[in-house]
Amino acid sequence: MINITAERLKQLEDIEFKMECLESGGVDNWVHYGDSLEEYHKIKDRELALEKIFESVLEALSSGTYEPSERGAGIAFGNDEQDEAMKIMVDGLNEIIKQMIVGSKILD
């Protein structure tokens, strides 16, 4: 039986993805190494941006959490917190989409 941590699995998946990008770029010469990783870095930047958006959404939602009834019934958030979380998501995703559009125009 092989044990692997979630962190190590994520690292290995990232390495595999990076190698797929290199192979799809037709790298057979180290001169093209940086060019082939351009898409990889764009995607990693988007993933990081999405993680930051998610963290901001959680922060906005948890700022107004409360127990709606008896202990152990769960938690809820107010409408203001939900509205703020939605605004964070929409603004963040719009920024990512804008960057993707600008990036594709530069490449054309």
N, C-alpha and C. Protein backbone atom coordinates (compact mmCIF):
# COMPACT_ATOMS: atom_id res chain seq x y z
N MET A 1 0.84 -1.18 0.00
CA MET A 1 0.00 0.00 0.00
C MET A 1 0.89 1.24 0.00
N ILE A 2 0.53 2.20 -0.80
CA ILE A 2 1.29 3.44 -0.91
C ILE A 2 0.49 4.57 -0.27
N ASN A 3 1.14 5.30 0.62
CA ASN A 3 0.52 6.47 1.24
C ASN A 3 1.12 7.72 0.64
N ILE A 4 0.26 8.67 0.32
CA ILE A 4 0.73 9.94 -0.23
C ILE A 4 -0.14 11.05 0.35
N THR A 5 0.50 12.13 0.72
CA THR A 5 -0.26 13.24 1.29
C THR A 5 -0.99 13.99 0.18
N ALA A 6 -2.02 14.70 0.57
CA ALA A 6 -2.77 15.51 -0.40
C ALA A 6 -1.87 16.57 -1.01
N GLU A 7 -0.98 17.13 -0.20
CA GLU A 7 -0.05 18.16 -0.69
C GLU A 7 0.88 17.59 -1.77
N ARG A 8 1.42 16.39 -1.51
CA ARG A 8 2.33 15.76 -2.48
C ARG A 8 1.59 15.39 -3.76
N LEU A 9 0.37 14.91 -3.63
CA LEU A 9 -0.43 14.58 -4.81
C LEU A 9 -0.66 15.82 -5.66
N LYS A 10 -0.96 16.94 -5.01
CA LYS A 10 -1.15 18.20 -5.73
C LYS A 10 0.14 18.60 -6.45
N GLN A 11 1.29 18.43 -5.79
CA GLN A 11 2.58 18.75 -6.43
C GLN A 11 2.80 17.88 -7.66
N LEU A 12 2.52 16.59 -7.54
CA LEU A 12 2.72 15.68 -8.66
C LEU A 12 1.77 15.99 -9.82
N GLU A 13 0.53 16.34 -9.51
CA GLU A 13 -0.40 16.72 -10.55
C GLU A 13 0.06 17.98 -11.26
N ASP A 14 0.63 18.91 -10.50
CA ASP A 14 1.15 20.15 -11.07
C ASP A 14 2.33 19.86 -11.99
N ILE A 15 3.21 18.96 -11.57
CA ILE A 15 4.36 18.58 -12.41
C ILE A 15 3.88 17.92 -13.69
N GLU A 16 2.90 17.04 -13.57
CA GLU A 16 2.36 16.37 -14.75
C GLU A 16 1.76 17.38 -15.72
N PHE A 17 1.00 18.33 -15.21
CA PHE A 17 0.40 19.36 -16.05
C PHE A 17 1.47 20.19 -16.75
N LYS A 18 2.50 20.53 -16.01
CA LYS A 18 3.60 21.31 -16.57
C LYS A 18 4.27 20.54 -17.72
N MET A 19 4.48 19.27 -17.53
CA MET A 19 5.10 18.45 -18.57
C MET A 19 4.19 18.34 -19.80
N GLU A 20 2.89 18.22 -19.59
CA GLU A 20 1.96 18.18 -20.73
C GLU A 20 2.03 19.46 -21.53
N CYS A 21 2.16 20.60 -20.84
CA CYS A 21 2.30 21.88 -21.54
C CYS A 21 3.58 21.91 -22.37
N LEU A 22 4.65 21.40 -21.81
CA LEU A 22 5.93 21.36 -22.54
C LEU A 22 5.82 20.47 -23.77
N GLU A 23 5.21 19.30 -23.59
CA GLU A 23 5.08 18.38 -24.71
C GLU A 23 4.16 18.93 -25.80
N SER A 24 3.06 19.55 -25.41
CA SER A 24 2.15 20.11 -26.41
C SER A 24 2.78 21.30 -27.12
N GLY A 25 3.76 21.93 -26.50
CA GLY A 25 4.49 23.02 -27.14
C GLY A 25 5.55 22.53 -28.11
N GLY A 26 5.73 21.21 -28.20
CA GLY A 26 6.69 20.65 -29.13
C GLY A 26 8.13 20.90 -28.73
N VAL A 27 8.38 20.98 -27.44
CA VAL A 27 9.73 21.28 -26.99
C VAL A 27 10.64 20.08 -27.25
N ASP A 28 11.60 20.29 -28.10
CA ASP A 28 12.62 19.27 -28.31
C ASP A 28 14.00 19.91 -28.19
N ASN A 29 13.96 21.15 -27.72
CA ASN A 29 15.19 21.91 -27.61
C ASN A 29 14.99 22.89 -26.44
N TRP A 30 15.91 22.98 -25.54
CA TRP A 30 15.75 23.82 -24.35
C TRP A 30 15.60 25.30 -24.67
N VAL A 31 15.93 25.71 -25.86
CA VAL A 31 15.78 27.12 -26.25
C VAL A 31 14.32 27.57 -26.10
N HIS A 32 13.36 26.66 -26.31
CA HIS A 32 11.93 26.99 -26.28
C HIS A 32 11.28 26.74 -24.92
N TYR A 33 12.07 26.43 -23.93
CA TYR A 33 11.53 26.08 -22.61
C TYR A 33 10.60 27.17 -22.07
N GLY A 34 11.06 28.41 -22.03
CA GLY A 34 10.26 29.51 -21.49
C GLY A 34 9.00 29.78 -22.28
N ASP A 35 9.09 29.72 -23.60
CA ASP A 35 7.92 29.94 -24.45
C ASP A 35 6.84 28.89 -24.19
N SER A 36 7.26 27.67 -24.01
CA SER A 36 6.30 26.58 -23.80
C SER A 36 5.59 26.68 -22.46
N LEU A 37 6.20 27.32 -21.50
CA LEU A 37 5.59 27.44 -20.18
C LEU A 37 4.72 28.68 -20.02
N GLU A 38 4.61 29.48 -21.06
CA GLU A 38 3.80 30.70 -20.98
C GLU A 38 2.35 30.39 -20.59
N GLU A 39 1.73 29.42 -21.24
CA GLU A 39 0.35 29.06 -20.93
C GLU A 39 0.24 28.49 -19.52
N TYR A 40 1.21 27.70 -19.12
CA TYR A 40 1.25 27.14 -17.78
C TYR A 40 1.20 28.25 -16.73
N HIS A 41 2.03 29.27 -16.91
CA HIS A 41 2.07 30.37 -15.94
C HIS A 41 0.77 31.17 -15.94
N LYS A 42 0.15 31.34 -17.10
CA LYS A 42 -1.14 32.04 -17.15
C LYS A 42 -2.19 31.28 -16.35
N ILE A 43 -2.24 29.97 -16.53
CA ILE A 43 -3.23 29.16 -15.83
C ILE A 43 -2.95 29.16 -14.32
N LYS A 44 -1.69 29.04 -13.93
CA LYS A 44 -1.35 29.07 -12.51
C LYS A 44 -1.72 30.42 -11.89
N ASP A 45 -1.51 31.51 -12.64
CA ASP A 45 -1.90 32.83 -12.15
C ASP A 45 -3.41 32.91 -11.96
N ARG A 46 -4.18 32.33 -12.89
CA ARG A 46 -5.64 32.32 -12.76
C ARG A 46 -6.06 31.50 -11.56
N GLU A 47 -5.42 30.35 -11.34
CA GLU A 47 -5.75 29.53 -10.18
C GLU A 47 -5.50 30.29 -8.88
N LEU A 48 -4.38 30.99 -8.81
CA LEU A 48 -4.06 31.78 -7.62
C LEU A 48 -5.09 32.89 -7.42
N ALA A 49 -5.49 33.54 -8.52
CA ALA A 49 -6.50 34.60 -8.43
C ALA A 49 -7.82 34.03 -7.93
N LEU A 50 -8.21 32.85 -8.41
CA LEU A 50 -9.45 32.21 -7.95
C LEU A 50 -9.36 31.83 -6.47
N GLU A 51 -8.22 31.35 -6.03
CA GLU A 51 -8.05 31.03 -4.61
C GLU A 51 -8.21 32.28 -3.76
N LYS A 52 -7.65 33.40 -4.22
CA LYS A 52 -7.79 34.66 -3.47
C LYS A 52 -9.24 35.12 -3.44
N ILE A 53 -9.94 34.96 -4.55
CA ILE A 53 -11.37 35.32 -4.59
C ILE A 53 -12.13 34.46 -3.59
N PHE A 54 -11.86 33.17 -3.59
CA PHE A 54 -12.54 32.26 -2.68
C PHE A 54 -12.29 32.63 -1.22
N GLU A 55 -11.04 32.93 -0.89
CA GLU A 55 -10.71 33.35 0.47
C GLU A 55 -11.45 34.63 0.85
N SER A 56 -11.54 35.58 -0.08
CA SER A 56 -12.25 36.83 0.19
C SER A 56 -13.74 36.59 0.39
N VAL A 57 -14.30 35.66 -0.40
CA VAL A 57 -15.72 35.32 -0.26
C VAL A 57 -15.97 34.70 1.12
N LEU A 58 -15.12 33.76 1.51
CA LEU A 58 -15.28 33.14 2.84
C LEU A 58 -15.18 34.18 3.95
N GLU A 59 -14.24 35.10 3.79
CA GLU A 59 -14.06 36.15 4.79
C GLU A 59 -15.31 37.03 4.87
N ALA A 60 -15.86 37.39 3.71
CA ALA A 60 -17.06 38.23 3.70
C ALA A 60 -18.25 37.51 4.32
N LEU A 61 -18.41 36.23 4.00
CA LEU A 61 -19.53 35.47 4.55
C LEU A 61 -19.38 35.25 6.05
N SER A 62 -18.18 34.95 6.49
CA SER A 62 -18.01 34.63 7.91
C SER A 62 -18.04 35.87 8.80
N SER A 63 -17.95 37.04 8.21
CA SER A 63 -18.00 38.25 9.05
C SER A 63 -19.38 38.47 9.66
N GLY A 64 -20.38 37.86 9.08
CA GLY A 64 -21.73 38.05 9.62
C GLY A 64 -22.44 36.76 9.95
N THR A 65 -21.71 35.72 10.28
CA THR A 65 -22.35 34.45 10.59
C THR A 65 -23.01 34.49 11.96
N TYR A 66 -24.07 33.72 12.08
CA TYR A 66 -24.77 33.62 13.35
C TYR A 66 -25.50 32.28 13.39
N GLU A 67 -25.86 31.83 14.59
CA GLU A 67 -26.64 30.61 14.75
C GLU A 67 -28.12 31.01 14.73
N PRO A 68 -28.86 30.55 13.71
CA PRO A 68 -30.24 31.00 13.56
C PRO A 68 -31.20 30.48 14.62
N SER A 69 -30.89 29.36 15.26
CA SER A 69 -31.79 28.85 16.31
C SER A 69 -30.95 28.20 17.40
N GLU A 70 -31.36 27.08 17.87
CA GLU A 70 -30.64 26.45 18.98
C GLU A 70 -29.25 25.99 18.59
N ARG A 71 -28.43 25.80 19.57
CA ARG A 71 -27.04 25.39 19.39
C ARG A 71 -26.96 24.12 18.56
N GLY A 72 -26.06 24.11 17.59
CA GLY A 72 -25.85 22.94 16.74
C GLY A 72 -26.74 22.90 15.52
N ALA A 73 -27.56 23.91 15.33
CA ALA A 73 -28.47 23.92 14.19
C ALA A 73 -27.78 24.38 12.91
N GLY A 74 -26.56 24.84 13.03
CA GLY A 74 -25.84 25.34 11.86
C GLY A 74 -25.62 26.83 11.97
N ILE A 75 -25.15 27.40 10.90
CA ILE A 75 -24.92 28.84 10.87
C ILE A 75 -25.59 29.44 9.65
N ALA A 76 -25.76 30.72 9.68
CA ALA A 76 -26.34 31.44 8.55
C ALA A 76 -25.59 32.75 8.39
N PHE A 77 -25.76 33.40 7.27
CA PHE A 77 -25.18 34.72 7.07
C PHE A 77 -26.28 35.66 6.64
N GLY A 78 -26.05 36.91 6.90
CA GLY A 78 -27.03 37.92 6.55
C GLY A 78 -26.99 38.25 5.06
N ASN A 79 -28.02 38.93 4.62
CA ASN A 79 -28.11 39.32 3.20
C ASN A 79 -26.95 40.22 2.79
N ASP A 80 -26.53 41.11 3.68
CA ASP A 80 -25.41 42.01 3.35
C ASP A 80 -24.14 41.21 3.07
N GLU A 81 -23.89 40.18 3.86
CA GLU A 81 -22.70 39.36 3.66
C GLU A 81 -22.80 38.56 2.36
N GLN A 82 -23.98 38.06 2.07
CA GLN A 82 -24.17 37.33 0.81
C GLN A 82 -23.97 38.26 -0.38
N ASP A 83 -24.50 39.46 -0.29
CA ASP A 83 -24.34 40.44 -1.38
C ASP A 83 -22.87 40.81 -1.57
N GLU A 84 -22.15 40.99 -0.46
CA GLU A 84 -20.72 41.32 -0.55
C GLU A 84 -19.94 40.16 -1.16
N ALA A 85 -20.26 38.93 -0.77
CA ALA A 85 -19.58 37.76 -1.33
C ALA A 85 -19.85 37.65 -2.83
N MET A 86 -21.07 37.89 -3.25
CA MET A 86 -21.41 37.84 -4.68
C MET A 86 -20.66 38.93 -5.44
N LYS A 87 -20.57 40.12 -4.88
CA LYS A 87 -19.84 41.21 -5.53
C LYS A 87 -18.37 40.85 -5.69
N ILE A 88 -17.78 40.25 -4.67
CA ILE A 88 -16.37 39.84 -4.74
C ILE A 88 -16.18 38.82 -5.86
N MET A 89 -17.07 37.84 -5.93
CA MET A 89 -16.95 36.82 -6.97
C MET A 89 -17.10 37.40 -8.37
N VAL A 90 -18.12 38.20 -8.57
CA VAL A 90 -18.38 38.78 -9.89
C VAL A 90 -17.23 39.68 -10.32
N ASP A 91 -16.79 40.57 -9.43
CA ASP A 91 -15.68 41.47 -9.77
C ASP A 91 -14.40 40.68 -10.06
N GLY A 92 -14.12 39.70 -9.25
CA GLY A 92 -12.90 38.90 -9.44
C GLY A 92 -12.93 38.12 -10.74
N LEU A 93 -14.06 37.48 -11.02
CA LEU A 93 -14.16 36.71 -12.26
C LEU A 93 -14.14 37.61 -13.48
N ASN A 94 -14.77 38.77 -13.39
CA ASN A 94 -14.71 39.71 -14.51
C ASN A 94 -13.28 40.15 -14.78
N GLU A 95 -12.49 40.36 -13.73
CA GLU A 95 -11.09 40.75 -13.90
C GLU A 95 -10.29 39.63 -14.58
N ILE A 96 -10.53 38.39 -14.17
CA ILE A 96 -9.84 37.26 -14.79
C ILE A 96 -10.22 37.15 -16.26
N ILE A 97 -11.50 37.29 -16.57
CA ILE A 97 -11.96 37.21 -17.96
C ILE A 97 -11.34 38.33 -18.78
N LYS A 98 -11.30 39.54 -18.21
CA LYS A 98 -10.70 40.67 -18.92
C LYS A 98 -9.23 40.39 -19.24
N GLN A 99 -8.50 39.83 -18.27
CA GLN A 99 -7.09 39.50 -18.50
C GLN A 99 -6.94 38.43 -19.56
N MET A 100 -7.85 37.46 -19.59
CA MET A 100 -7.79 36.41 -20.61
C MET A 100 -8.03 36.99 -22.00
N ILE A 101 -8.99 37.92 -22.11
CA ILE A 101 -9.29 38.53 -23.40
C ILE A 101 -8.12 39.37 -23.87
N VAL A 102 -7.57 40.17 -22.99
CA VAL A 102 -6.41 41.01 -23.34
C VAL A 102 -5.25 40.11 -23.76
N GLY A 103 -5.02 39.03 -23.01
CA GLY A 103 -3.93 38.11 -23.33
C GLY A 103 -4.11 37.45 -24.69
N SER A 104 -5.36 37.08 -25.04
CA SER A 104 -5.57 36.43 -26.33
C SER A 104 -5.40 37.42 -27.48
N LYS A 105 -5.72 38.70 -27.26
CA LYS A 105 -5.54 39.69 -28.31
C LYS A 105 -4.06 39.95 -28.55
N ILE A 106 -3.27 39.90 -27.48
CA ILE A 106 -1.82 40.10 -27.62
C ILE A 106 -1.22 38.98 -28.44
N LEU A 107 -1.72 37.74 -28.25
CA LEU A 107 -1.16 36.61 -28.96
C LEU A 107 -1.59 36.56 -30.43
N ASP A 108 -2.71 37.17 -30.76
CA ASP A 108 -3.22 37.13 -32.15
C ASP A 108 -2.41 37.98 -33.09
